[in-house]
């Protein structure tokens, strides 16, 4: 974050909800005017595409080596396990370390992992345990890389462009999600998985070059946290004492754990409900990626991260999942993937930005590590439960329960944030239409009087 006025103090929760709060407008790509962020963004376009290529190639390679879907799941678990085990410690390290050199190290490590897999696969010596080790190694690098990248964005763009930059990062990732698997599929069928690993390894040249070309004097300098005892506990106490940070993280945790289990649900709908096969599963995922990309671009136009936007998007996400669970036709279900993608991405971007903007720069690495651990680590924990419910009671019940839990979590967190911000629920009419909104407590009392 910028070290300008107010950068080290958390904004009052009410400022995000008050009707009198300023509403700065932002162009969709305004943060790309900043040279350092433009270099970062360009590098991520290339490496994110490579990362999606490796994900597809990795799963296919494990399946071809073992013939086991369980082995594929184990590989994915190995990649998430380090974040669950060491995510908070990674945040402590990130707060102590300079962000750009740290990213140079983590991005290099992930690139070398891809190149090592490429060498083993192309030479014909690859074994499944090699893939397991590579997946775990990437997961270890991610423990540091994720909070470092999250924190470094604010150093590149400052507080005014943070919402826009976080949104464009998400748009970047979702674009790669559309392109990477398609390219990987072509490579796997034409020349083999080894070439997908090779291109992923080489793709890290782009972000490394961008990091090296950045101008240090144009970064918003943040004082690093000195080494000391109890910094992990300090970070947890900091979040626990800040309800405006704690509640969005809790909301993201519930939605990530119970609402984002789309591999379980979409495959079950494609196979068991609509009996349409792998093509339908691919279509559902593509439409959701399109919605997520649209949600990221829409979020990039907003100048602030408002609590009411976060809560409204989370409620919409849960309700849309319930509606989709009950959808009677194939095409209605498929089309609902687009607004679900928009709402889910809006929740992620808005929560991410609100937490970053409200966090003291000296604590940002630890707080963002907790945020990413809760969001990324929740899905592997919730997937077995959601999968059991889906198997036992059917895809419609499983999907609907995920939506119900998400919507209830959103309402609960919305009421908690309203209380923290000194707000009350106001129900009335505006231009002939019902209106439900949060208003300052004093205004609600005056209206009632």
Protein backbone atom coordinates (compact mmCIF):
# COMPACT_ATOMS: atom_id res chain seq x y z
CA UNK A 1 0.00 0.00 0.00
CA UNK A 2 0.99 3.58 -0.38
CA UNK A 3 2.76 5.20 2.55
CA UNK A 4 0.70 8.35 2.04
CA UNK A 5 -1.80 9.76 4.54
CA UNK A 6 -3.95 7.16 6.17
CA UNK A 7 -2.15 4.21 4.60
CA UNK A 8 -1.29 2.71 7.97
CA UNK A 9 -4.70 3.12 9.53
CA UNK A 10 -7.69 0.91 8.85
CA UNK A 11 -10.73 2.60 7.33
CA UNK A 12 -13.82 2.63 9.48
CA UNK A 13 -16.28 0.00 8.34
CA UNK A 14 -19.03 2.57 8.06
CA UNK A 15 -17.06 4.42 5.40
CA UNK A 16 -17.65 1.55 3.01
CA UNK A 17 -21.37 1.56 3.60
CA UNK A 18 -22.41 5.13 4.19
CA UNK A 19 -24.59 6.60 1.45
CA UNK A 20 -22.61 9.84 1.71
CA UNK A 21 -19.28 8.12 1.05
CA UNK A 22 -17.60 9.27 -2.18
CA UNK A 23 -17.94 7.02 -5.17
CA UNK A 24 -14.81 7.45 -7.27
CA UNK A 25 -15.12 6.16 -10.78
CA UNK A 26 -12.41 4.16 -12.43
CA UNK A 27 -11.85 3.11 -16.01
CA UNK A 28 -11.73 -0.61 -16.58
CA UNK A 29 -7.97 -0.72 -17.25
CA UNK A 30 -6.78 2.35 -15.29
CA UNK A 31 -4.14 0.54 -13.23
CA UNK A 32 -2.40 -0.57 -16.45
CA UNK A 33 -1.26 3.06 -16.87
CA UNK A 34 1.27 2.33 -14.10
CA UNK A 35 4.42 0.98 -15.77
CA UNK A 36 5.46 -1.44 -13.03
CA UNK A 37 2.01 -2.99 -12.82
CA UNK A 38 1.81 -3.21 -16.61
CA UNK A 39 5.02 -5.25 -16.64
CA UNK A 40 3.68 -7.46 -13.84
CA UNK A 41 0.32 -7.97 -15.57
CA UNK A 42 1.91 -8.87 -18.91
CA UNK A 43 4.17 -11.45 -17.29
CA UNK A 44 1.23 -12.98 -15.45
CA UNK A 45 -0.78 -13.31 -18.67
CA UNK A 46 1.92 -15.62 -20.03
CA UNK A 47 2.70 -17.58 -16.86
CA UNK A 48 -0.96 -18.08 -15.87
CA UNK A 49 -1.62 -19.62 -19.26
CA UNK A 50 1.35 -21.92 -18.73
CA UNK A 51 0.14 -22.81 -15.24
CA UNK A 52 -3.27 -23.91 -16.56
CA UNK A 53 -1.51 -25.92 -19.25
CA UNK A 54 0.53 -27.71 -16.59
CA UNK A 55 -2.55 -28.43 -14.45
CA UNK A 56 -4.26 -30.21 -17.32
CA UNK A 57 -1.10 -32.02 -18.46
CA UNK A 58 -0.26 -33.05 -14.89
CA UNK A 59 -3.68 -34.63 -14.31
CA UNK A 60 -3.59 -36.38 -17.67
CA UNK A 61 -0.08 -37.72 -17.07
CA UNK A 62 -0.99 -39.13 -13.65
CA UNK A 63 -4.12 -40.73 -15.09
CA UNK A 64 -2.16 -42.28 -17.96
CA UNK A 65 0.56 -43.58 -15.59
CA UNK A 66 -1.79 -45.05 -12.98
CA UNK A 67 -5.24 -45.36 -14.54
CA UNK A 68 -6.57 -44.07 -11.22
CA UNK A 69 -8.79 -41.04 -10.61
CA UNK A 70 -7.86 -41.31 -6.92
CA UNK A 71 -4.21 -40.73 -7.89
CA UNK A 72 -5.24 -37.57 -9.72
CA UNK A 73 -7.06 -36.39 -6.60
CA UNK A 74 -4.03 -37.22 -4.47
CA UNK A 75 -1.84 -35.09 -6.76
CA UNK A 76 -4.19 -32.13 -6.35
CA UNK A 77 -4.24 -32.63 -2.58
CA UNK A 78 -0.43 -32.59 -2.49
CA UNK A 79 -0.46 -29.24 -4.25
CA UNK A 80 -2.88 -27.74 -1.70
CA UNK A 81 -1.40 -29.41 1.39
CA UNK A 82 1.52 -26.98 1.90
CA UNK A 83 -0.89 -24.03 1.96
CA UNK A 84 -2.95 -25.73 4.67
CA UNK A 85 0.12 -26.69 6.72
CA UNK A 86 2.41 -23.70 6.26
CA UNK A 87 0.26 -20.88 4.82
CA UNK A 88 0.36 -18.70 7.94
CA UNK A 89 4.11 -19.15 8.32
CA UNK A 90 4.48 -18.07 4.70
CA UNK A 91 2.68 -14.84 5.57
CA UNK A 92 5.09 -14.19 8.45
CA UNK A 93 8.05 -14.60 6.07
CA UNK A 94 6.48 -12.36 3.44
CA UNK A 95 6.06 -9.54 5.96
CA UNK A 96 9.79 -9.79 6.75
CA UNK A 97 11.08 -10.06 3.17
CA UNK A 98 11.29 -7.60 0.25
CA UNK A 99 8.51 -8.58 -2.16
CA UNK A 100 10.22 -8.29 -5.55
CA UNK A 101 13.28 -10.46 -4.75
CA UNK A 102 10.96 -12.94 -3.02
CA UNK A 103 8.83 -13.22 -6.16
CA UNK A 104 11.92 -13.66 -8.32
CA UNK A 105 12.84 -16.66 -6.16
CA UNK A 106 9.37 -18.27 -6.04
CA UNK A 107 8.64 -17.76 -9.73
CA UNK A 108 12.04 -19.23 -10.63
CA UNK A 109 11.34 -22.26 -8.45
CA UNK A 110 8.00 -22.93 -10.13
CA UNK A 111 9.53 -22.49 -13.58
CA UNK A 112 12.32 -24.97 -12.78
CA UNK A 113 9.74 -27.49 -11.55
CA UNK A 114 7.99 -27.33 -14.91
CA UNK A 115 11.27 -27.76 -16.76
CA UNK A 116 12.22 -30.75 -14.59
CA UNK A 117 8.91 -32.47 -15.36
CA UNK A 118 9.39 -31.69 -19.04
CA UNK A 119 12.85 -33.29 -19.04
CA UNK A 120 11.64 -36.43 -17.23
CA UNK A 121 8.57 -36.81 -19.47
CA UNK A 122 10.27 -36.10 -22.80
CA UNK A 123 13.16 -38.42 -21.92
CA UNK A 124 10.72 -41.24 -21.07
CA UNK A 125 11.88 -41.59 -17.45
CA UNK A 126 8.94 -40.01 -15.66
CA UNK A 127 7.26 -41.95 -12.85
CA UNK A 128 4.19 -41.02 -10.86
CA UNK A 129 6.20 -40.19 -7.75
CA UNK A 130 8.06 -37.57 -9.78
CA UNK A 131 4.74 -35.83 -10.42
CA UNK A 132 3.81 -36.08 -6.74
CA UNK A 133 7.09 -34.42 -5.74
CA UNK A 134 6.65 -31.71 -8.37
CA UNK A 135 3.09 -30.98 -7.22
CA UNK A 136 4.23 -30.70 -3.59
CA UNK A 137 7.16 -28.47 -4.62
CA UNK A 138 4.84 -26.10 -6.48
CA UNK A 139 2.59 -26.05 -3.42
CA UNK A 140 5.56 -25.11 -1.20
CA UNK A 141 6.50 -22.26 -3.54
CA UNK A 142 2.88 -21.09 -3.54
CA UNK A 143 2.96 -20.74 0.26
CA UNK A 144 5.33 -17.79 -0.22
CA UNK A 145 4.37 -16.73 -3.73
CA UNK A 146 0.65 -16.18 -3.09
CA UNK A 147 0.82 -13.71 -0.19
CA UNK A 148 3.87 -12.03 -1.76
CA UNK A 149 2.01 -11.42 -5.03
CA UNK A 150 -1.10 -10.24 -3.18
CA UNK A 151 0.91 -7.79 -1.08
CA UNK A 152 3.11 -6.63 -3.95
CA UNK A 153 0.11 -5.41 -5.96
CA UNK A 154 -0.52 -2.62 -3.44
CA UNK A 155 3.17 -1.62 -3.59
CA UNK A 156 2.93 -1.30 -7.37
CA UNK A 157 -0.34 0.64 -7.66
CA UNK A 158 -1.11 2.22 -4.27
CA UNK A 159 -4.53 2.36 -2.58
CA UNK A 160 -6.37 4.34 -5.28
CA UNK A 161 -5.90 1.68 -7.96
CA UNK A 162 -5.91 -1.41 -5.73
CA UNK A 163 -9.48 -2.50 -6.48
CA UNK A 164 -8.87 -2.12 -10.22
CA UNK A 165 -5.56 -4.02 -10.11
CA UNK A 166 -6.96 -6.91 -8.03
CA UNK A 167 -9.89 -7.17 -10.46
CA UNK A 168 -7.59 -7.18 -13.49
CA UNK A 169 -5.47 -9.90 -11.85
CA UNK A 170 -8.61 -12.01 -11.59
CA UNK A 171 -9.55 -11.24 -15.21
CA UNK A 172 -6.01 -12.25 -16.17
CA UNK A 173 -6.36 -15.58 -14.35
CA UNK A 174 -9.79 -16.31 -15.82
CA UNK A 175 -8.58 -15.52 -19.36
CA UNK A 176 -5.76 -18.00 -18.88
CA UNK A 177 -8.31 -20.50 -17.57
CA UNK A 178 -10.06 -20.28 -20.95
CA UNK A 179 -6.92 -20.43 -23.12
CA UNK A 180 -4.52 -22.68 -21.15
CA UNK A 181 -6.58 -25.91 -21.07
CA UNK A 182 -7.40 -25.57 -24.78
CA UNK A 183 -3.73 -25.20 -25.71
CA UNK A 184 -2.79 -28.05 -23.36
CA UNK A 185 -5.37 -30.30 -24.99
CA UNK A 186 -3.93 -29.61 -28.44
CA UNK A 187 -0.37 -30.27 -27.25
CA UNK A 188 -1.25 -33.47 -25.40
CA UNK A 189 -3.08 -34.97 -28.36
CA UNK A 190 -0.52 -33.88 -30.95
CA UNK A 191 2.94 -34.09 -29.33
CA UNK A 192 2.46 -35.28 -25.72
CA UNK A 193 2.32 -33.94 -22.15
CA UNK A 194 6.06 -33.23 -21.95
CA UNK A 195 5.76 -30.26 -24.30
CA UNK A 196 3.04 -28.70 -22.15
CA UNK A 197 5.38 -28.92 -19.14
CA UNK A 198 8.19 -27.42 -21.23
CA UNK A 199 6.11 -24.44 -22.34
CA UNK A 200 4.95 -23.87 -18.76
CA UNK A 201 8.52 -23.82 -17.52
CA UNK A 202 9.55 -21.39 -20.26
CA UNK A 203 6.48 -19.20 -19.60
CA UNK A 204 8.02 -18.03 -16.31
CA UNK A 205 10.62 -16.10 -18.31
CA UNK A 206 7.90 -13.47 -18.87
CA UNK A 207 7.13 -12.61 -15.19
CA UNK A 208 10.81 -12.84 -14.27
CA UNK A 209 11.68 -10.36 -17.02
CA UNK A 210 8.87 -8.06 -15.92
CA UNK A 211 10.09 -8.11 -12.30
CA UNK A 212 13.67 -7.34 -13.38
CA UNK A 213 12.57 -4.42 -15.56
CA UNK A 214 10.57 -2.70 -12.81
CA UNK A 215 11.72 0.66 -11.43
CA UNK A 216 12.23 0.41 -7.68
CA UNK A 217 11.84 4.16 -7.19
CA UNK A 218 8.26 3.97 -8.53
CA UNK A 219 7.15 1.37 -5.96
CA UNK A 220 5.23 2.43 -2.86
CA UNK A 221 7.77 1.55 -0.21
CA UNK A 222 6.50 -0.34 2.83
CA UNK A 223 8.56 -0.83 5.97
CA UNK A 224 9.28 -4.52 6.50
CA UNK A 225 8.51 -6.24 9.76
CA UNK A 226 11.68 -7.07 11.75
CA UNK A 227 12.26 -10.64 12.83
CA UNK A 228 10.71 -11.39 16.20
CA UNK A 229 8.93 -13.98 18.32
CA UNK A 230 5.19 -14.49 18.30
CA UNK A 231 4.55 -12.86 14.92
CA UNK A 232 2.19 -15.60 13.80
CA UNK A 233 0.06 -15.21 16.93
CA UNK A 234 0.27 -11.44 16.51
CA UNK A 235 -1.22 -11.72 13.03
CA UNK A 236 -4.08 -13.91 14.25
CA UNK A 237 -4.79 -11.53 17.15
CA UNK A 238 -4.75 -8.62 14.72
CA UNK A 239 -7.45 -10.20 12.54
CA UNK A 240 -9.47 -11.33 15.58
CA UNK A 241 -9.47 -7.74 16.84
CA UNK A 242 -10.61 -6.33 13.50
CA UNK A 243 -14.18 -7.45 12.75
CA UNK A 244 -14.10 -5.58 9.43
CA UNK A 245 -11.33 -7.99 8.34
CA UNK A 246 -12.42 -11.10 10.22
CA UNK A 247 -15.98 -11.30 8.86
CA UNK A 248 -15.07 -11.08 5.14
CA UNK A 249 -12.44 -13.79 5.69
CA UNK A 250 -15.06 -15.97 7.45
CA UNK A 251 -17.47 -15.41 4.55
CA UNK A 252 -14.84 -16.38 1.98
CA UNK A 253 -14.05 -19.45 4.07
CA UNK A 254 -17.66 -20.68 4.07
CA UNK A 255 -18.16 -20.01 0.37
CA UNK A 256 -14.81 -21.54 -0.56
CA UNK A 257 -15.48 -24.65 1.52
CA UNK A 258 -19.12 -25.31 0.65
CA UNK A 259 -19.97 -23.21 -2.42
CA UNK A 260 -17.02 -23.70 -4.77
CA UNK A 261 -17.08 -27.47 -5.21
CA UNK A 262 -17.90 -27.23 -8.91
CA UNK A 263 -15.75 -30.18 -10.05
CA UNK A 264 -17.97 -32.42 -7.89
CA UNK A 265 -21.29 -30.92 -8.93
CA UNK A 266 -20.74 -30.15 -12.60
CA UNK A 267 -19.34 -33.58 -13.42
CA UNK A 268 -22.30 -35.17 -11.60
CA UNK A 269 -24.82 -33.02 -13.48
CA UNK A 270 -23.17 -33.72 -16.83
CA UNK A 271 -23.07 -37.49 -16.21
CA UNK A 272 -25.94 -38.39 -13.88
CA UNK A 273 -28.58 -35.67 -14.32
CA UNK A 274 -28.42 -34.71 -18.00
CA UNK A 275 -26.52 -37.80 -19.28
CA UNK A 276 -24.57 -35.55 -21.67
CA UNK A 277 -21.00 -36.72 -21.03
CA UNK A 278 -17.65 -34.92 -21.01
CA UNK A 279 -18.74 -32.35 -23.58
CA UNK A 280 -21.36 -30.99 -21.20
CA UNK A 281 -18.85 -30.86 -18.34
CA UNK A 282 -16.49 -28.85 -20.55
CA UNK A 283 -19.32 -26.49 -21.58
CA UNK A 284 -20.38 -25.88 -17.96
CA UNK A 285 -16.81 -25.00 -16.97
CA UNK A 286 -16.31 -22.77 -20.00
CA UNK A 287 -19.50 -20.80 -19.34
CA UNK A 288 -18.53 -20.36 -15.70
CA UNK A 289 -15.09 -19.10 -16.76
CA UNK A 290 -16.79 -16.62 -19.12
CA UNK A 291 -18.94 -15.40 -16.23
CA UNK A 292 -15.92 -15.13 -13.94
CA UNK A 293 -14.05 -13.09 -16.55
CA UNK A 294 -17.06 -10.78 -16.95
CA UNK A 295 -17.29 -10.43 -13.16
CA UNK A 296 -13.62 -9.49 -12.94
CA UNK A 297 -13.97 -6.82 -15.64
CA UNK A 298 -17.10 -5.40 -14.00
CA UNK A 299 -15.29 -5.28 -10.65
CA UNK A 300 -12.43 -3.41 -12.35
CA UNK A 301 -14.84 -0.53 -13.08
CA UNK A 302 -15.68 -0.01 -9.41
CA UNK A 303 -13.46 2.38 -7.49
CA UNK A 304 -14.05 0.97 -4.01
CA UNK A 305 -14.66 -2.35 -2.25
CA UNK A 306 -17.96 -1.88 -0.43
CA UNK A 307 -19.23 -4.29 2.21
CA UNK A 308 -22.73 -4.16 0.75
CA UNK A 309 -21.41 -5.27 -2.66
CA UNK A 310 -19.62 -8.19 -1.00
CA UNK A 311 -22.69 -9.30 0.93
CA UNK A 312 -25.09 -8.80 -2.00
CA UNK A 313 -22.84 -10.78 -4.35
CA UNK A 314 -22.51 -13.59 -1.78
CA UNK A 315 -26.30 -13.77 -1.30
CA UNK A 316 -26.79 -13.78 -5.09
CA UNK A 317 -24.18 -16.52 -5.44
CA UNK A 318 -25.97 -18.77 -2.94
CA UNK A 319 -29.43 -18.11 -4.38
CA UNK A 320 -28.23 -18.74 -7.96
CA UNK A 321 -26.74 -22.08 -6.88
CA UNK A 322 -30.10 -23.08 -5.37
CA UNK A 323 -31.91 -22.04 -8.57
CA UNK A 324 -29.40 -23.95 -10.72
CA UNK A 325 -29.77 -27.02 -8.50
CA UNK A 326 -33.47 -27.08 -9.35
CA UNK A 327 -33.10 -26.18 -13.04
CA UNK A 328 -35.24 -28.62 -15.06
CA UNK A 329 -33.43 -28.35 -18.39
CA UNK A 330 -29.88 -28.76 -19.63
CA UNK A 331 -29.63 -25.35 -21.32
CA UNK A 332 -31.13 -23.43 -18.39
CA UNK A 333 -28.60 -25.06 -16.06
CA UNK A 334 -25.77 -24.27 -18.50
CA UNK A 335 -26.77 -20.61 -18.87
CA UNK A 336 -26.97 -20.17 -15.09
CA UNK A 337 -23.24 -20.91 -14.93
CA UNK A 338 -22.55 -17.41 -16.30
CA UNK A 339 -24.22 -15.39 -13.50
CA UNK A 340 -22.87 -17.85 -10.92
CA UNK A 341 -19.38 -17.15 -12.27
CA UNK A 342 -20.01 -13.38 -12.11
CA UNK A 343 -21.27 -13.50 -8.51
CA UNK A 344 -18.53 -15.86 -7.28
CA UNK A 345 -15.75 -13.76 -8.77
CA UNK A 346 -17.30 -10.56 -7.36
CA UNK A 347 -17.24 -12.09 -3.87
CA UNK A 348 -13.58 -13.06 -4.22
CA UNK A 349 -12.37 -9.74 -5.66
CA UNK A 350 -14.37 -7.54 -3.29
CA UNK A 351 -13.31 -9.47 -0.19
CA UNK A 352 -9.68 -9.54 -1.34
CA UNK A 353 -9.60 -5.78 -1.95
CA UNK A 354 -11.45 -4.87 1.26
CA UNK A 355 -9.08 -6.98 3.36
CA UNK A 356 -5.97 -5.58 1.66
CA UNK A 357 -7.13 -1.96 1.95
CA UNK A 358 -8.09 -2.33 5.59
CA UNK A 359 -4.85 -4.02 6.70
CA UNK A 360 -1.78 -2.31 8.14
CA UNK A 361 1.04 -2.75 5.57
CA UNK A 362 3.24 -4.34 8.24
CA UNK A 363 0.61 -7.05 8.71
CA UNK A 364 -0.48 -7.51 5.09
CA UNK A 365 1.56 -10.64 4.34
CA UNK A 366 0.15 -12.50 7.34
CA UNK A 367 -3.42 -11.34 6.76
CA UNK A 368 -3.38 -12.20 3.04
CA UNK A 369 -1.79 -15.57 3.82
CA UNK A 370 -4.73 -16.27 6.16
CA UNK A 371 -7.16 -15.07 3.48
CA UNK A 372 -5.65 -17.34 0.80
CA UNK A 373 -5.32 -20.29 3.19
CA UNK A 374 -9.00 -20.05 4.12
CA UNK A 375 -10.15 -19.59 0.51
CA UNK A 376 -7.85 -22.10 -1.24
CA UNK A 377 -7.65 -24.57 1.62
CA UNK A 378 -11.38 -24.70 2.26
CA UNK A 379 -12.33 -26.43 -0.99
CA UNK A 380 -10.20 -29.57 -0.47
CA UNK A 381 -11.62 -29.87 3.05
CA UNK A 382 -15.23 -29.36 1.98
CA UNK A 383 -15.06 -31.44 -1.21
CA UNK A 384 -15.19 -34.86 0.53
CA UNK A 385 -18.25 -33.79 2.59
CA UNK A 386 -20.00 -32.28 -0.42
CA UNK A 387 -19.04 -35.30 -2.52
CA UNK A 388 -20.53 -37.68 0.06
CA UNK A 389 -23.80 -35.68 0.18
CA UNK A 390 -23.93 -35.64 -3.63
CA UNK A 391 -23.36 -39.40 -3.85
CA UNK A 392 -25.82 -40.22 -1.08
CA UNK A 393 -28.67 -37.84 -1.93
CA UNK A 394 -28.05 -36.82 -5.54
CA UNK A 395 -26.44 -33.86 -7.34
CA UNK A 396 -29.46 -31.58 -6.92
CA UNK A 397 -29.46 -31.92 -3.12
CA UNK A 398 -25.67 -31.52 -2.94
CA UNK A 399 -25.66 -28.39 -5.10
CA UNK A 400 -28.65 -26.88 -3.27
CA UNK A 401 -27.03 -27.41 0.15
CA UNK A 402 -23.90 -25.62 -1.06
CA UNK A 403 -26.08 -22.68 -2.12
CA UNK A 404 -28.04 -22.64 1.14
CA UNK A 405 -24.86 -22.61 3.27
CA UNK A 406 -23.37 -19.81 1.11
CA UNK A 407 -26.52 -17.67 1.30
CA UNK A 408 -26.92 -18.15 5.08
CA UNK A 409 -23.25 -17.29 5.63
CA UNK A 410 -23.68 -14.14 3.53
CA UNK A 411 -26.73 -12.97 5.50
CA UNK A 412 -25.03 -13.68 8.84
CA UNK A 413 -21.84 -11.84 7.85
CA UNK A 414 -23.89 -8.97 6.41
CA UNK A 415 -25.68 -8.47 9.73
CA UNK A 416 -22.38 -8.69 11.62
CA UNK A 417 -20.72 -6.09 9.36
CA UNK A 418 -23.74 -3.84 9.65
CA UNK A 419 -23.48 -3.95 13.43
CA UNK A 420 -19.74 -3.25 13.30
CA UNK A 421 -20.36 -0.27 11.01
CA UNK A 422 -23.14 1.19 13.13
CA UNK A 423 -25.76 0.41 10.49
CA UNK A 424 -29.32 -0.87 10.58
CA UNK A 425 -31.47 -2.63 8.05
CA UNK A 426 -33.91 -0.26 6.36
CA UNK A 427 -36.93 -1.60 4.45
CA UNK A 428 -39.04 0.82 2.42
CA UNK A 429 -40.20 1.99 -0.98
CA UNK A 430 -38.31 3.99 -3.57
CA UNK A 431 -40.04 5.18 -6.75
CA UNK A 432 -42.71 2.57 -6.39
CA UNK A 433 -40.33 -0.35 -5.76
CA UNK A 434 -39.38 -2.11 -2.51
CA UNK A 435 -35.91 -1.21 -1.28
CA UNK A 436 -33.79 -3.06 1.26
CA UNK A 437 -30.54 -1.43 2.34
CA UNK A 438 -28.28 -0.67 5.28
CA UNK A 439 -28.33 2.91 6.58
CA UNK A 440 -26.56 4.62 9.52
CA UNK A 441 -28.28 3.75 12.81
CA UNK A 442 -29.09 7.40 13.57
CA UNK A 443 -30.93 7.82 10.25
CA UNK A 444 -32.94 4.64 10.80
CA UNK A 445 -33.99 5.86 14.28
CA UNK A 446 -34.95 9.31 12.91
CA UNK A 447 -37.05 7.70 10.17
CA UNK A 448 -38.81 5.47 12.70
CA UNK A 449 -39.55 8.53 14.89
